[in-house]
Amino acid sequence: MGTQERERKVYRPLWRAGLEVVPNAVPDGTIPFVGGYGVEDVVGGFSHPYDTPRLVERLNADWYDLAVSSGLLDRRREFLVKLPQGTRTHRAVLRNLHGGNDAPAVWTRVRLLERWDIMGRGAASAFLGVHAGHPGFGMMALDSSVYVVASTGEIGVDVLAVGHPHRSESILRNMERITLHDSPYDNHEFKQQIAVWLAGRAGSTVSPSDR
């Protein structure tokens, strides 16, 4: 029942936006969270004010150009996208957006179909934003070589590409701070995911060129 619900509430809206879910196929060792990156980590991006003519069309075109040039898409046009856990609808996710103790989002592997609308239909009803032309998402290449994040501000949309987030000293320090922070409002499941990933990274052999 849970799987059927997730297909109906999550996977179908993604399909209508042009993303086919590839279940249970996230590469091992993928960084669970990307935040706290610096300007030195940014390798590309674009911004558009809300009054840009044909905003959704422009955002879609620039997102695809960035996805191709940055290496977000592999040869099968597959990549990772952050989605909420469970079987909630997009509307329910938006209601709980600032709830604090909500379950953390997790990576899901997807394939970009021939017909897609990430910034329009995706942002409006497929967990990739608030509504059409107001995207909000995190995407990752399968090999973790690039992280693409979209956010909306007061005057427009910003999309950035962060290179090799799993090697960024700024991101790693931020993750360590999250695990050390102690508050009754902390999301303990989220902290545990980060702690496990950091422990696995520390236990592996990392050459200087990988840092």
N, C-alpha and C. Protein backbone atom coordinates (compact mmCIF):
# COMPACT_ATOMS: atom_id res chain seq x y z
N MET A 1 0.83 -1.20 0.00
CA MET A 1 0.00 0.00 0.00
C MET A 1 0.86 1.25 0.00
N GLY A 2 1.94 1.22 0.80
CA GLY A 2 2.82 2.37 0.85
C GLY A 2 3.45 2.66 -0.50
N THR A 3 3.88 1.59 -1.18
CA THR A 3 4.50 1.76 -2.49
C THR A 3 3.50 2.31 -3.50
N GLN A 4 2.28 1.79 -3.49
CA GLN A 4 1.25 2.26 -4.41
C GLN A 4 0.91 3.72 -4.14
N GLU A 5 0.84 4.08 -2.86
CA GLU A 5 0.56 5.47 -2.52
C GLU A 5 1.67 6.40 -3.01
N ARG A 6 2.91 5.98 -2.82
CA ARG A 6 4.03 6.81 -3.26
C ARG A 6 4.03 6.97 -4.77
N GLU A 7 3.70 5.90 -5.49
CA GLU A 7 3.61 6.00 -6.94
C GLU A 7 2.54 6.99 -7.36
N ARG A 8 1.41 6.98 -6.65
CA ARG A 8 0.30 7.86 -7.02
C ARG A 8 0.57 9.31 -6.63
N LYS A 9 1.10 9.53 -5.43
CA LYS A 9 1.24 10.89 -4.92
C LYS A 9 2.57 11.55 -5.30
N VAL A 10 3.59 10.75 -5.54
CA VAL A 10 4.92 11.30 -5.81
C VAL A 10 5.39 11.00 -7.23
N TYR A 11 5.40 9.73 -7.61
CA TYR A 11 5.97 9.34 -8.88
C TYR A 11 5.16 9.84 -10.07
N ARG A 12 3.83 9.80 -9.99
CA ARG A 12 3.01 10.25 -11.11
C ARG A 12 3.17 11.74 -11.38
N PRO A 13 3.15 12.61 -10.35
CA PRO A 13 3.42 14.03 -10.63
C PRO A 13 4.79 14.25 -11.25
N LEU A 14 5.79 13.49 -10.82
CA LEU A 14 7.11 13.61 -11.42
C LEU A 14 7.08 13.19 -12.89
N TRP A 15 6.35 12.11 -13.18
CA TRP A 15 6.23 11.65 -14.56
C TRP A 15 5.59 12.73 -15.43
N ARG A 16 4.56 13.37 -14.92
CA ARG A 16 3.89 14.42 -15.69
C ARG A 16 4.82 15.62 -15.92
N ALA A 17 5.81 15.77 -15.04
CA ALA A 17 6.79 16.84 -15.21
C ALA A 17 7.97 16.40 -16.09
N GLY A 18 7.97 15.11 -16.48
CA GLY A 18 9.02 14.61 -17.37
C GLY A 18 10.14 13.89 -16.68
N LEU A 19 9.90 13.40 -15.47
CA LEU A 19 10.93 12.66 -14.74
C LEU A 19 10.41 11.26 -14.39
N GLU A 20 11.11 10.26 -14.88
CA GLU A 20 10.76 8.87 -14.57
C GLU A 20 11.62 8.40 -13.40
N VAL A 21 10.97 7.93 -12.34
CA VAL A 21 11.69 7.45 -11.17
C VAL A 21 12.33 6.10 -11.46
N VAL A 22 13.60 5.98 -11.07
CA VAL A 22 14.33 4.71 -11.14
C VAL A 22 14.47 4.26 -9.68
N PRO A 23 13.60 3.40 -9.18
CA PRO A 23 13.57 3.10 -7.74
C PRO A 23 14.78 2.32 -7.25
N ASN A 24 15.13 2.59 -5.99
CA ASN A 24 16.17 1.85 -5.28
C ASN A 24 17.48 1.79 -6.07
N ALA A 25 17.90 2.93 -6.60
CA ALA A 25 19.10 2.93 -7.44
C ALA A 25 20.02 4.11 -7.15
N VAL A 26 19.98 4.63 -5.94
CA VAL A 26 20.88 5.72 -5.56
C VAL A 26 22.27 5.13 -5.31
N PRO A 27 23.32 5.68 -5.92
CA PRO A 27 24.66 5.13 -5.71
C PRO A 27 25.08 5.16 -4.24
N ASP A 28 25.75 4.11 -3.81
CA ASP A 28 26.26 4.06 -2.43
C ASP A 28 27.23 5.21 -2.19
N GLY A 29 27.17 5.75 -0.99
CA GLY A 29 28.12 6.78 -0.60
C GLY A 29 27.78 8.18 -1.05
N THR A 30 26.58 8.38 -1.63
CA THR A 30 26.19 9.72 -2.06
C THR A 30 26.05 10.64 -0.86
N ILE A 31 26.61 11.82 -0.94
CA ILE A 31 26.52 12.79 0.15
C ILE A 31 25.05 13.08 0.46
N PRO A 32 24.63 13.00 1.72
CA PRO A 32 23.20 13.12 2.03
C PRO A 32 22.67 14.55 2.03
N PHE A 33 23.56 15.52 2.16
CA PHE A 33 23.12 16.90 2.30
C PHE A 33 24.20 17.83 1.77
N VAL A 34 23.77 18.88 1.06
CA VAL A 34 24.72 19.87 0.55
C VAL A 34 24.27 21.25 1.03
N GLY A 35 25.11 21.88 1.81
CA GLY A 35 24.80 23.21 2.32
C GLY A 35 26.06 23.86 2.85
N GLY A 36 26.08 25.18 2.88
CA GLY A 36 27.24 25.88 3.40
C GLY A 36 28.37 26.01 2.40
N TYR A 37 28.08 25.84 1.12
CA TYR A 37 29.13 25.96 0.11
C TYR A 37 29.53 27.43 -0.05
N GLY A 38 30.75 27.66 -0.50
CA GLY A 38 31.25 29.00 -0.71
C GLY A 38 31.29 29.37 -2.18
N VAL A 39 31.63 30.62 -2.43
CA VAL A 39 31.68 31.08 -3.83
C VAL A 39 32.73 30.29 -4.62
N GLU A 40 33.74 29.80 -3.92
CA GLU A 40 34.78 29.04 -4.60
C GLU A 40 34.28 27.68 -5.10
N ASP A 41 33.13 27.23 -4.57
CA ASP A 41 32.58 25.94 -4.99
C ASP A 41 31.64 26.04 -6.18
N VAL A 42 31.19 27.25 -6.48
CA VAL A 42 30.20 27.45 -7.54
C VAL A 42 30.89 27.41 -8.90
N VAL A 43 30.36 26.56 -9.79
CA VAL A 43 30.97 26.39 -11.12
C VAL A 43 30.06 26.84 -12.25
N GLY A 44 28.91 27.36 -11.93
CA GLY A 44 27.99 27.84 -12.96
C GLY A 44 26.66 28.24 -12.36
N GLY A 45 25.79 28.78 -13.18
CA GLY A 45 24.48 29.15 -12.69
C GLY A 45 23.86 30.28 -13.50
N PHE A 46 22.65 30.68 -13.10
CA PHE A 46 21.95 31.77 -13.77
C PHE A 46 20.88 32.32 -12.83
N SER A 47 20.41 33.51 -13.13
CA SER A 47 19.34 34.16 -12.36
C SER A 47 18.39 34.85 -13.31
N HIS A 48 17.10 34.85 -12.95
CA HIS A 48 16.11 35.56 -13.74
C HIS A 48 15.09 36.22 -12.79
N PRO A 49 14.79 37.51 -12.99
CA PRO A 49 13.74 38.14 -12.19
C PRO A 49 12.38 37.59 -12.59
N TYR A 50 11.41 37.73 -11.67
CA TYR A 50 10.08 37.17 -11.93
C TYR A 50 9.38 37.81 -13.12
N ASP A 51 9.76 39.03 -13.47
CA ASP A 51 9.10 39.70 -14.58
C ASP A 51 9.76 39.40 -15.93
N THR A 52 10.64 38.41 -15.96
CA THR A 52 11.24 37.99 -17.23
C THR A 52 10.16 37.46 -18.17
N PRO A 53 10.09 37.95 -19.40
CA PRO A 53 9.10 37.42 -20.35
C PRO A 53 9.27 35.91 -20.54
N ARG A 54 8.15 35.20 -20.57
CA ARG A 54 8.13 33.74 -20.75
C ARG A 54 9.11 33.09 -19.77
N LEU A 55 8.91 33.42 -18.50
CA LEU A 55 9.84 33.02 -17.44
C LEU A 55 10.06 31.51 -17.39
N VAL A 56 8.98 30.74 -17.37
CA VAL A 56 9.12 29.28 -17.24
C VAL A 56 9.91 28.71 -18.41
N GLU A 57 9.61 29.17 -19.61
CA GLU A 57 10.33 28.69 -20.79
C GLU A 57 11.82 29.02 -20.69
N ARG A 58 12.13 30.23 -20.25
CA ARG A 58 13.53 30.64 -20.12
C ARG A 58 14.24 29.82 -19.04
N LEU A 59 13.56 29.61 -17.92
CA LEU A 59 14.16 28.82 -16.84
C LEU A 59 14.42 27.39 -17.28
N ASN A 60 13.48 26.79 -17.99
CA ASN A 60 13.67 25.44 -18.49
C ASN A 60 14.87 25.34 -19.42
N ALA A 61 14.96 26.28 -20.35
CA ALA A 61 16.06 26.25 -21.32
C ALA A 61 17.41 26.41 -20.62
N ASP A 62 17.49 27.35 -19.68
CA ASP A 62 18.77 27.57 -19.01
C ASP A 62 19.11 26.43 -18.06
N TRP A 63 18.08 25.82 -17.44
CA TRP A 63 18.35 24.65 -16.59
C TRP A 63 18.94 23.52 -17.43
N TYR A 64 18.37 23.26 -18.59
CA TYR A 64 18.87 22.16 -19.41
C TYR A 64 20.30 22.44 -19.87
N ASP A 65 20.56 23.67 -20.29
CA ASP A 65 21.92 24.02 -20.71
C ASP A 65 22.91 23.80 -19.57
N LEU A 66 22.52 24.20 -18.36
CA LEU A 66 23.40 24.02 -17.20
C LEU A 66 23.55 22.54 -16.86
N ALA A 67 22.46 21.78 -16.95
CA ALA A 67 22.51 20.35 -16.65
C ALA A 67 23.47 19.62 -17.59
N VAL A 68 23.46 20.00 -18.86
CA VAL A 68 24.34 19.37 -19.84
C VAL A 68 25.78 19.82 -19.65
N SER A 69 25.99 21.13 -19.54
CA SER A 69 27.35 21.65 -19.46
C SER A 69 28.06 21.28 -18.17
N SER A 70 27.30 21.13 -17.08
CA SER A 70 27.92 20.83 -15.78
C SER A 70 28.12 19.34 -15.56
N GLY A 71 27.45 18.51 -16.36
CA GLY A 71 27.56 17.07 -16.19
C GLY A 71 26.53 16.49 -15.24
N LEU A 72 25.44 17.21 -14.99
CA LEU A 72 24.38 16.68 -14.12
C LEU A 72 23.77 15.42 -14.72
N LEU A 73 23.55 15.40 -16.01
CA LEU A 73 22.93 14.26 -16.68
C LEU A 73 24.00 13.26 -17.14
N ASP A 74 23.75 11.98 -16.91
CA ASP A 74 24.67 10.98 -17.46
C ASP A 74 24.21 10.61 -18.87
N ARG A 75 24.80 9.60 -19.46
CA ARG A 75 24.50 9.26 -20.86
C ARG A 75 23.07 8.79 -21.03
N ARG A 76 22.42 8.32 -19.95
CA ARG A 76 21.02 7.92 -20.00
C ARG A 76 20.09 9.03 -19.52
N ARG A 77 20.66 10.23 -19.34
CA ARG A 77 19.91 11.39 -18.85
C ARG A 77 19.36 11.14 -17.44
N GLU A 78 20.13 10.42 -16.64
CA GLU A 78 19.73 10.13 -15.27
C GLU A 78 20.52 10.98 -14.29
N PHE A 79 19.89 11.27 -13.15
CA PHE A 79 20.51 12.05 -12.08
C PHE A 79 19.71 11.83 -10.81
N LEU A 80 20.10 12.49 -9.74
CA LEU A 80 19.41 12.36 -8.47
C LEU A 80 18.66 13.66 -8.15
N VAL A 81 17.53 13.51 -7.48
CA VAL A 81 16.77 14.67 -7.04
C VAL A 81 16.31 14.43 -5.60
N LYS A 82 16.31 15.48 -4.80
CA LYS A 82 15.86 15.38 -3.41
C LYS A 82 14.34 15.37 -3.37
N LEU A 83 13.78 14.35 -2.71
CA LEU A 83 12.34 14.24 -2.55
C LEU A 83 12.01 13.94 -1.10
N PRO A 84 10.83 14.36 -0.64
CA PRO A 84 10.44 14.05 0.74
C PRO A 84 10.20 12.57 0.92
N GLN A 85 10.46 12.09 2.12
CA GLN A 85 10.15 10.71 2.44
C GLN A 85 8.65 10.53 2.55
N GLY A 86 8.21 9.28 2.51
CA GLY A 86 6.81 8.99 2.76
C GLY A 86 5.94 9.15 1.53
N THR A 87 4.64 9.34 1.77
CA THR A 87 3.65 9.33 0.70
C THR A 87 2.80 10.60 0.70
N ARG A 88 3.39 11.70 1.15
CA ARG A 88 2.64 12.95 1.17
C ARG A 88 2.51 13.55 -0.22
N THR A 89 1.46 14.33 -0.40
CA THR A 89 1.29 15.05 -1.65
C THR A 89 2.16 16.30 -1.65
N HIS A 90 2.30 16.90 -2.82
CA HIS A 90 3.04 18.15 -2.93
C HIS A 90 2.42 19.22 -2.04
N ARG A 91 1.09 19.27 -2.00
CA ARG A 91 0.41 20.27 -1.16
C ARG A 91 0.74 20.06 0.31
N ALA A 92 0.78 18.81 0.76
CA ALA A 92 1.10 18.53 2.15
C ALA A 92 2.54 18.91 2.47
N VAL A 93 3.44 18.68 1.54
CA VAL A 93 4.84 19.05 1.73
C VAL A 93 4.96 20.57 1.90
N LEU A 94 4.24 21.32 1.08
CA LEU A 94 4.30 22.78 1.18
C LEU A 94 3.75 23.26 2.52
N ARG A 95 2.71 22.62 3.03
CA ARG A 95 2.15 23.02 4.33
C ARG A 95 3.15 22.81 5.44
N ASN A 96 3.98 21.76 5.32
CA ASN A 96 4.94 21.43 6.38
C ASN A 96 6.34 21.94 6.07
N LEU A 97 6.45 22.85 5.10
CA LEU A 97 7.77 23.28 4.63
C LEU A 97 8.63 23.85 5.73
N HIS A 98 8.02 24.56 6.68
CA HIS A 98 8.77 25.19 7.77
C HIS A 98 8.44 24.54 9.12
N GLY A 99 8.12 23.26 9.07
CA GLY A 99 7.72 22.60 10.30
C GLY A 99 8.86 22.28 11.25
N GLY A 100 10.10 22.27 10.78
CA GLY A 100 11.24 22.05 11.66
C GLY A 100 11.55 20.60 11.89
N ASN A 101 10.57 19.80 12.33
CA ASN A 101 10.82 18.39 12.66
C ASN A 101 10.33 17.45 11.57
N ASP A 102 10.07 17.96 10.40
CA ASP A 102 9.62 17.13 9.31
C ASP A 102 10.72 16.16 8.90
N ALA A 103 10.33 15.01 8.34
CA ALA A 103 11.31 14.01 7.91
C ALA A 103 12.21 14.60 6.84
N PRO A 104 13.49 14.27 6.86
CA PRO A 104 14.41 14.84 5.87
C PRO A 104 14.12 14.32 4.48
N ALA A 105 14.46 15.14 3.50
CA ALA A 105 14.34 14.70 2.12
C ALA A 105 15.46 13.71 1.82
N VAL A 106 15.24 12.86 0.86
CA VAL A 106 16.21 11.83 0.49
C VAL A 106 16.42 11.85 -1.02
N TRP A 107 17.55 11.32 -1.45
CA TRP A 107 17.83 11.26 -2.87
C TRP A 107 16.98 10.19 -3.55
N THR A 108 16.51 10.51 -4.74
CA THR A 108 15.79 9.56 -5.59
C THR A 108 16.38 9.65 -6.99
N ARG A 109 16.62 8.54 -7.60
CA ARG A 109 17.18 8.53 -8.96
C ARG A 109 16.06 8.70 -9.98
N VAL A 110 16.29 9.56 -10.96
CA VAL A 110 15.28 9.82 -11.98
C VAL A 110 15.94 9.87 -13.35
N ARG A 111 15.10 9.71 -14.37
CA ARG A 111 15.55 9.81 -15.77
C ARG A 111 14.73 10.91 -16.44
N LEU A 112 15.41 11.82 -17.12
CA LEU A 112 14.74 12.90 -17.83
C LEU A 112 14.14 12.36 -19.13
N LEU A 113 12.83 12.49 -19.27
CA LEU A 113 12.14 12.00 -20.46
C LEU A 113 12.27 13.01 -21.60
N GLU A 114 11.79 12.63 -22.77
CA GLU A 114 11.89 13.50 -23.93
C GLU A 114 11.05 14.77 -23.76
N ARG A 115 9.88 14.62 -23.17
CA ARG A 115 9.01 15.76 -22.92
C ARG A 115 9.05 16.05 -21.42
N TRP A 116 9.47 17.26 -21.06
CA TRP A 116 9.60 17.59 -19.65
C TRP A 116 9.31 19.07 -19.43
N ASP A 117 8.99 19.40 -18.18
CA ASP A 117 8.70 20.78 -17.80
C ASP A 117 9.08 20.94 -16.32
N ILE A 118 10.38 21.00 -16.06
CA ILE A 118 10.88 21.06 -14.69
C ILE A 118 10.41 22.32 -13.98
N MET A 119 10.53 23.47 -14.63
CA MET A 119 10.28 24.75 -13.99
C MET A 119 8.81 25.16 -13.99
N GLY A 120 8.00 24.47 -14.78
CA GLY A 120 6.58 24.77 -14.82
C GLY A 120 5.79 23.74 -14.05
N ARG A 121 5.46 22.66 -14.74
CA ARG A 121 4.66 21.61 -14.11
C ARG A 121 5.41 20.95 -12.96
N GLY A 122 6.73 20.83 -13.09
CA GLY A 122 7.51 20.23 -12.00
C GLY A 122 7.47 21.07 -10.74
N ALA A 123 7.70 22.37 -10.88
CA ALA A 123 7.68 23.25 -9.72
C ALA A 123 6.28 23.37 -9.12
N ALA A 124 5.26 23.24 -9.96
CA ALA A 124 3.89 23.43 -9.50
C ALA A 124 3.31 22.21 -8.78
N SER A 125 3.72 21.01 -9.20
CA SER A 125 3.03 19.84 -8.65
C SER A 125 3.90 18.62 -8.46
N ALA A 126 5.21 18.77 -8.57
CA ALA A 126 6.06 17.58 -8.50
C ALA A 126 7.23 17.75 -7.54
N PHE A 127 7.01 18.48 -6.45
CA PHE A 127 8.00 18.55 -5.38
C PHE A 127 9.28 19.27 -5.79
N LEU A 128 9.20 20.07 -6.84
CA LEU A 128 10.38 20.78 -7.33
C LEU A 128 10.22 22.29 -7.17
N GLY A 129 9.33 22.72 -6.29
CA GLY A 129 9.13 24.13 -6.08
C GLY A 129 7.82 24.44 -5.40
N VAL A 130 7.44 25.70 -5.45
CA VAL A 130 6.20 26.17 -4.82
C VAL A 130 5.08 26.24 -5.84
N HIS A 131 5.34 26.84 -6.98
CA HIS A 131 4.41 26.83 -8.10
C HIS A 131 5.19 27.17 -9.36
N ALA A 132 4.54 27.13 -10.49
CA ALA A 132 5.22 27.33 -11.77
C ALA A 132 6.01 28.63 -11.77
N GLY A 133 7.26 28.54 -12.19
CA GLY A 133 8.12 29.71 -12.21
C GLY A 133 8.76 30.04 -10.88
N HIS A 134 8.46 29.25 -9.84
CA HIS A 134 9.04 29.43 -8.51
C HIS A 134 9.62 28.09 -8.05
N PRO A 135 10.74 27.66 -8.66
CA PRO A 135 11.31 26.36 -8.33
C PRO A 135 12.07 26.36 -7.01
N GLY A 136 12.19 25.18 -6.46
CA GLY A 136 13.02 24.97 -5.28
C GLY A 136 13.41 23.51 -5.23
N PHE A 137 14.66 23.21 -5.56
CA PHE A 137 15.05 21.79 -5.61
C PHE A 137 16.56 21.65 -5.44
N GLY A 138 16.96 20.41 -5.16
CA GLY A 138 18.36 20.03 -5.15
C GLY A 138 18.53 18.82 -6.04
N MET A 139 19.51 18.85 -6.93
CA MET A 139 19.77 17.76 -7.85
C MET A 139 21.26 17.41 -7.83
N MET A 140 21.57 16.16 -8.07
CA MET A 140 22.96 15.71 -7.99
C MET A 140 23.27 14.76 -9.15
N ALA A 141 24.47 14.90 -9.72
CA ALA A 141 24.93 13.92 -10.70
C ALA A 141 25.15 12.57 -10.02
N LEU A 142 24.98 11.49 -10.74
CA LEU A 142 25.12 10.16 -10.16
C LEU A 142 26.51 9.93 -9.59
N ASP A 143 27.52 10.57 -10.18
CA ASP A 143 28.88 10.41 -9.67
C ASP A 143 29.27 11.50 -8.66
N SER A 144 28.27 12.27 -8.22
CA SER A 144 28.46 13.35 -7.22
C SER A 144 29.38 14.47 -7.69
N SER A 145 29.57 14.58 -9.00
CA SER A 145 30.49 15.59 -9.52
C SER A 145 29.90 17.00 -9.49
N VAL A 146 28.59 17.10 -9.44
CA VAL A 146 27.97 18.43 -9.40
C VAL A 146 26.63 18.37 -8.69
N TYR A 147 26.34 19.44 -7.98
CA TYR A 147 25.06 19.62 -7.29
C TYR A 147 24.42 20.87 -7.86
N VAL A 148 23.16 20.77 -8.28
CA VAL A 148 22.44 21.91 -8.84
C VAL A 148 21.29 22.26 -7.92
N VAL A 149 21.23 23.51 -7.49
CA VAL A 149 20.21 23.94 -6.53
C VAL A 149 19.47 25.14 -7.10
N ALA A 150 18.15 25.13 -6.95
CA ALA A 150 17.30 26.24 -7.38
C ALA A 150 16.58 26.81 -6.17
N SER A 151 16.51 28.13 -6.11
CA SER A 151 15.81 28.79 -5.00
C SER A 151 15.15 30.06 -5.51
N THR A 152 14.12 30.48 -4.81
CA THR A 152 13.42 31.71 -5.17
C THR A 152 13.64 32.75 -4.08
N GLY A 153 13.88 33.96 -4.49
CA GLY A 153 14.07 35.06 -3.56
C GLY A 153 12.97 36.09 -3.70
N GLU A 154 13.24 37.30 -3.25
CA GLU A 154 12.23 38.34 -3.30
C GLU A 154 11.98 38.83 -4.72
N ILE A 155 13.03 38.83 -5.55
CA ILE A 155 12.86 39.42 -6.88
C ILE A 155 13.01 38.43 -8.02
N GLY A 156 13.48 37.22 -7.74
CA GLY A 156 13.66 36.31 -8.84
C GLY A 156 14.15 34.93 -8.45
N VAL A 157 14.55 34.17 -9.46
CA VAL A 157 14.97 32.78 -9.31
C VAL A 157 16.47 32.69 -9.49
N ASP A 158 17.12 31.94 -8.60
CA ASP A 158 18.56 31.70 -8.69
C ASP A 158 18.81 30.20 -8.81
N VAL A 159 19.65 29.83 -9.74
CA VAL A 159 20.06 28.43 -9.93
C VAL A 159 21.58 28.38 -9.97
N LEU A 160 22.16 27.54 -9.11
CA LEU A 160 23.61 27.43 -9.02
C LEU A 160 24.06 25.99 -9.21
N ALA A 161 25.25 25.83 -9.76
CA ALA A 161 25.88 24.52 -9.85
C ALA A 161 27.11 24.52 -8.96
N VAL A 162 27.18 23.56 -8.05
CA VAL A 162 28.28 23.43 -7.10
C VAL A 162 29.11 22.22 -7.51
N GLY A 163 30.39 22.44 -7.76
CA GLY A 163 31.25 21.35 -8.22
C GLY A 163 31.78 20.49 -7.09
N HIS A 164 31.72 19.17 -7.25
CA HIS A 164 32.26 18.18 -6.31
C HIS A 164 31.95 18.54 -4.85
N PRO A 165 30.68 18.59 -4.49
CA PRO A 165 30.31 18.98 -3.13
C PRO A 165 30.89 18.08 -2.04
N HIS A 166 31.11 16.81 -2.36
CA HIS A 166 31.65 15.88 -1.38
C HIS A 166 33.12 16.15 -1.07
N ARG A 167 33.75 17.04 -1.84
CA ARG A 167 35.15 17.40 -1.59
C ARG A 167 35.30 18.81 -1.02
N SER A 168 34.22 19.55 -0.93
CA SER A 168 34.28 20.94 -0.48
C SER A 168 34.55 21.04 1.01
N GLU A 169 35.61 21.75 1.38
CA GLU A 169 35.91 21.93 2.80
C GLU A 169 34.80 22.71 3.51
N SER A 170 34.21 23.68 2.82
CA SER A 170 33.13 24.48 3.43
C SER A 170 31.92 23.61 3.72
N ILE A 171 31.56 22.76 2.78
CA ILE A 171 30.40 21.88 2.97
C ILE A 171 30.66 20.85 4.06
N LEU A 172 31.87 20.27 4.07
CA LEU A 172 32.19 19.28 5.09
C LEU A 172 32.19 19.89 6.49
N ARG A 173 32.72 21.10 6.62
CA ARG A 173 32.69 21.76 7.94
C ARG A 173 31.25 22.03 8.37
N ASN A 174 30.41 22.42 7.43
CA ASN A 174 29.01 22.68 7.76
C ASN A 174 28.31 21.41 8.23
N MET A 175 28.60 20.29 7.58
CA MET A 175 28.00 19.02 7.97
C MET A 175 28.45 18.62 9.37
N GLU A 176 29.72 18.85 9.67
CA GLU A 176 30.22 18.53 11.01
C GLU A 176 29.53 19.39 12.06
N ARG A 177 29.32 20.66 11.75
CA ARG A 177 28.61 21.55 12.70
C ARG A 177 27.20 21.06 12.95
N ILE A 178 26.54 20.57 11.93
CA ILE A 178 25.18 20.07 12.10
C ILE A 178 25.15 18.89 13.06
N THR A 179 26.10 17.98 12.93
CA THR A 179 26.10 16.80 13.81
C THR A 179 26.43 17.17 15.25
N LEU A 180 27.19 18.24 15.46
CA LEU A 180 27.58 18.65 16.81
C LEU A 180 26.55 19.55 17.48
N HIS A 181 25.68 20.16 16.69
CA HIS A 181 24.68 21.06 17.25
C HIS A 181 23.68 20.28 18.09
N ASP A 182 23.35 20.79 19.26
CA ASP A 182 22.45 20.08 20.18
C ASP A 182 21.26 20.97 20.51
N SER A 183 20.10 20.56 20.07
CA SER A 183 18.88 21.30 20.33
C SER A 183 17.70 20.34 20.34
N PRO A 184 16.70 20.58 21.19
CA PRO A 184 15.52 19.71 21.19
C PRO A 184 14.72 19.80 19.89
N TYR A 185 15.00 20.82 19.09
CA TYR A 185 14.29 21.00 17.82
C TYR A 185 15.03 20.36 16.65
N ASP A 186 16.18 19.75 16.91
CA ASP A 186 16.95 19.13 15.84
C ASP A 186 16.19 17.94 15.25
N ASN A 187 16.38 17.72 13.96
CA ASN A 187 15.86 16.52 13.31
C ASN A 187 16.92 15.43 13.46
N HIS A 188 16.69 14.52 14.38
CA HIS A 188 17.72 13.53 14.72
C HIS A 188 17.97 12.54 13.58
N GLU A 189 16.95 12.23 12.81
CA GLU A 189 17.16 11.33 11.67
C GLU A 189 18.08 11.99 10.64
N PHE A 190 17.87 13.27 10.42
CA PHE A 190 18.71 14.03 9.49
C PHE A 190 20.15 14.07 9.98
N LYS A 191 20.35 14.36 11.26
CA LYS A 191 21.69 14.39 11.83
C LYS A 191 22.37 13.02 11.73
N GLN A 192 21.60 11.97 11.94
CA GLN A 192 22.16 10.62 11.88
C GLN A 192 22.63 10.28 10.48
N GLN A 193 21.87 10.67 9.47
CA GLN A 193 22.28 10.44 8.08
C GLN A 193 23.62 11.09 7.80
N ILE A 194 23.77 12.32 8.25
CA ILE A 194 25.02 13.05 8.01
C ILE A 194 26.17 12.41 8.78
N ALA A 195 25.91 12.04 10.04
CA ALA A 195 26.97 11.45 10.86
C ALA A 195 27.46 10.13 10.26
N VAL A 196 26.54 9.32 9.77
CA VAL A 196 26.92 8.03 9.17
C VAL A 196 27.77 8.27 7.92
N TRP A 197 27.37 9.24 7.10
CA TRP A 197 28.14 9.51 5.89
C TRP A 197 29.53 10.03 6.23
N LEU A 198 29.63 10.94 7.19
CA LEU A 198 30.93 11.48 7.58
C LEU A 198 31.82 10.38 8.14
N ALA A 199 31.24 9.48 8.94
CA ALA A 199 32.02 8.38 9.51
C ALA A 199 32.54 7.46 8.41
N GLY A 200 31.69 7.18 7.42
CA GLY A 200 32.13 6.33 6.31
C GLY A 200 33.21 7.00 5.49
N ARG A 201 33.11 8.31 5.32
CA ARG A 201 34.12 9.03 4.58
C ARG A 201 35.45 9.02 5.33
N ALA A 202 35.38 9.23 6.66
CA ALA A 202 36.59 9.24 7.47
C ALA A 202 37.26 7.87 7.51
N GLY A 203 36.44 6.81 7.36
CA GLY A 203 36.99 5.46 7.42
C GLY A 203 37.57 4.99 6.11
N SER A 204 37.37 5.75 5.06
CA SER A 204 37.93 5.36 3.76
C SER A 204 39.26 6.07 3.53
N THR A 205 40.01 5.57 2.60
CA THR A 205 41.28 6.19 2.26
C THR A 205 41.03 7.31 1.28
N VAL A 206 41.36 8.54 1.68
CA VAL A 206 41.14 9.70 0.84
C VAL A 206 42.48 10.35 0.52
N SER A 207 42.81 10.40 -0.75
CA SER A 207 44.07 11.02 -1.15
C SER A 207 43.93 12.52 -1.15
N PRO A 208 45.04 13.27 -1.06
CA PRO A 208 44.95 14.73 -1.08
C PRO A 208 44.23 15.29 -2.27
N SER A 209 44.31 14.60 -3.42
CA SER A 209 43.65 15.11 -4.63
C SER A 209 42.14 14.99 -4.54
N ASP A 210 41.63 14.18 -3.59
CA ASP A 210 40.18 14.01 -3.44
C ASP A 210 39.59 15.01 -2.49
N ARG A 211 40.39 15.87 -1.89
CA ARG A 211 39.90 16.80 -0.90
C ARG A 211 39.68 18.17 -1.51
